[in-house]
Protein backbone atom coordinates (compact mmCIF):
# COMPACT_ATOMS: atom_id res chain seq x y z
CA PRO A 1 -14.67 110.63 -144.86
CA LEU A 2 -13.56 111.29 -148.44
CA ASN A 3 -10.65 108.89 -148.16
CA ASP A 4 -13.11 106.13 -147.25
CA VAL A 5 -15.04 106.84 -150.43
CA ALA A 6 -11.82 106.73 -152.45
CA LEU A 7 -10.86 103.46 -150.77
CA ALA A 8 -14.24 101.97 -151.64
CA VAL A 9 -13.91 103.10 -155.26
CA PHE A 10 -10.39 101.74 -155.70
CA THR A 11 -11.17 98.41 -154.05
CA THR A 12 -14.33 97.94 -156.11
CA LEU A 13 -12.40 98.68 -159.29
CA SER A 14 -9.61 96.33 -158.24
CA PHE A 15 -12.04 93.46 -157.64
CA ALA A 16 -13.70 94.08 -161.00
CA ALA A 17 -10.30 94.15 -162.73
CA ALA A 18 -9.21 90.99 -160.88
CA TYR A 19 -12.33 89.17 -161.98
CA ARG A 20 -11.73 90.27 -165.56
CA ALA A 21 -8.10 89.18 -165.29
CA VAL A 22 -8.93 85.64 -164.25
CA THR A 23 -11.75 85.24 -166.76
CA THR A 24 -9.84 86.61 -169.77
CA ASN A 25 -6.27 85.82 -168.63
CA ASP A 26 -5.23 89.20 -170.06
CA LEU A 27 -2.00 90.70 -168.76
CA ARG A 28 -3.43 94.22 -169.08
CA ALA A 29 -6.26 93.28 -166.72
CA TYR A 30 -3.72 92.01 -164.17
CA ALA A 31 -1.85 95.33 -164.50
CA ALA A 32 -5.11 97.25 -164.03
CA THR A 33 -5.75 95.24 -160.87
CA GLY A 34 -2.34 96.30 -159.59
CA ILE A 35 -2.98 99.94 -160.44
CA PHE A 36 -6.29 99.98 -158.58
CA LEU A 37 -4.81 98.15 -155.59
CA ALA A 38 -2.01 100.73 -155.51
CA GLY A 39 -4.66 103.43 -155.39
CA ALA A 40 -6.31 101.68 -152.46
CA LEU A 41 -2.98 101.35 -150.68
CA GLY A 42 -2.24 105.01 -151.34
CA VAL A 43 -5.50 106.12 -149.78
CA LYS A 44 -5.24 104.03 -146.62
CA LEU A 45 -3.01 101.27 -145.39
CA THR A 46 -6.20 99.28 -144.89
CA GLY A 47 -5.74 98.52 -148.57
CA PHE A 48 -3.41 95.69 -147.54
CA ILE A 49 -6.50 93.76 -146.46
CA PHE A 50 -7.88 94.13 -149.95
CA LEU A 51 -4.52 93.17 -151.45
CA ALA A 52 -4.70 89.90 -149.50
CA SER A 53 -8.32 89.28 -150.46
CA SER A 54 -7.51 89.96 -154.13
CA ALA A 55 -4.71 87.41 -153.93
CA PHE A 56 -7.22 84.94 -152.49
CA LEU A 57 -9.69 85.72 -155.30
CA LEU A 58 -7.04 85.24 -157.97
CA GLY A 59 -5.85 81.98 -156.41
CA TRP A 60 -9.34 80.59 -155.95
CA ARG A 61 -10.37 81.36 -159.52
CA TRP A 62 -7.12 79.86 -160.82
CA ILE A 63 -7.69 76.62 -158.91
CA ASP A 64 -11.31 76.59 -160.02
CA ARG A 65 -10.46 77.04 -163.70
CA ARG A 66 -7.23 75.00 -163.68
CA ALA A 67 -5.44 77.69 -165.68
CA ALA A 68 -1.94 77.22 -166.98
CA PRO A 69 0.48 77.84 -164.12
CA GLN A 70 2.83 80.00 -166.19
CA SER A 71 0.16 82.49 -167.20
CA PHE A 72 -1.27 82.67 -163.69
CA VAL A 73 2.11 83.27 -162.07
CA ARG A 74 2.94 85.89 -164.70
CA GLY A 75 -0.36 87.64 -163.97
CA VAL A 76 -0.01 87.58 -160.20
CA VAL A 77 3.58 88.80 -160.36
CA THR A 78 2.47 91.63 -162.66
CA THR A 79 -0.34 92.58 -160.27
CA GLY A 80 1.89 92.56 -157.21
CA PHE A 81 4.75 94.37 -158.91
CA VAL A 82 2.57 97.15 -160.26
CA ALA A 83 0.69 97.55 -156.95
CA LEU A 84 3.79 97.70 -154.78
CA LEU A 85 5.74 99.84 -157.25
CA LEU A 86 3.03 102.48 -157.45
CA ALA A 87 2.08 102.33 -153.78
CA GLY A 88 5.68 102.43 -152.56
CA GLY A 89 5.84 106.21 -152.54
CA CYS A 90 2.36 106.60 -151.10
CA SER A 91 3.06 105.07 -147.71
CA SER A 92 5.50 107.84 -146.79
CA ALA A 93 2.68 110.39 -147.00
CA GLU A 94 1.02 108.90 -143.92
CA GLU A 95 4.05 109.30 -141.71
CA SER A 96 3.77 111.98 -139.07
CA PRO A 97 6.19 114.89 -139.34
CA SER A 98 9.05 114.95 -136.85
């Protein structure tokens, strides 16, 4: 129950940060997107669905705005790196004890 609330909070914050990232093209906003996605992945592995939908959002907005490819790739790599770096240690918490 409470982890579903946390998942909803982190995914909402990640979508807001992703929207800000593509509208301002700010590297800090891409990093914030990664941090919030890592929080979502840490709460539940269902966060991978939101990771994929965030990637779709970032790609769609980039195609729509025709942003410079270098800045977009830099932003997406930053988002993915931060999300997977921070969420890497979280997935082991869901493993069942032997």
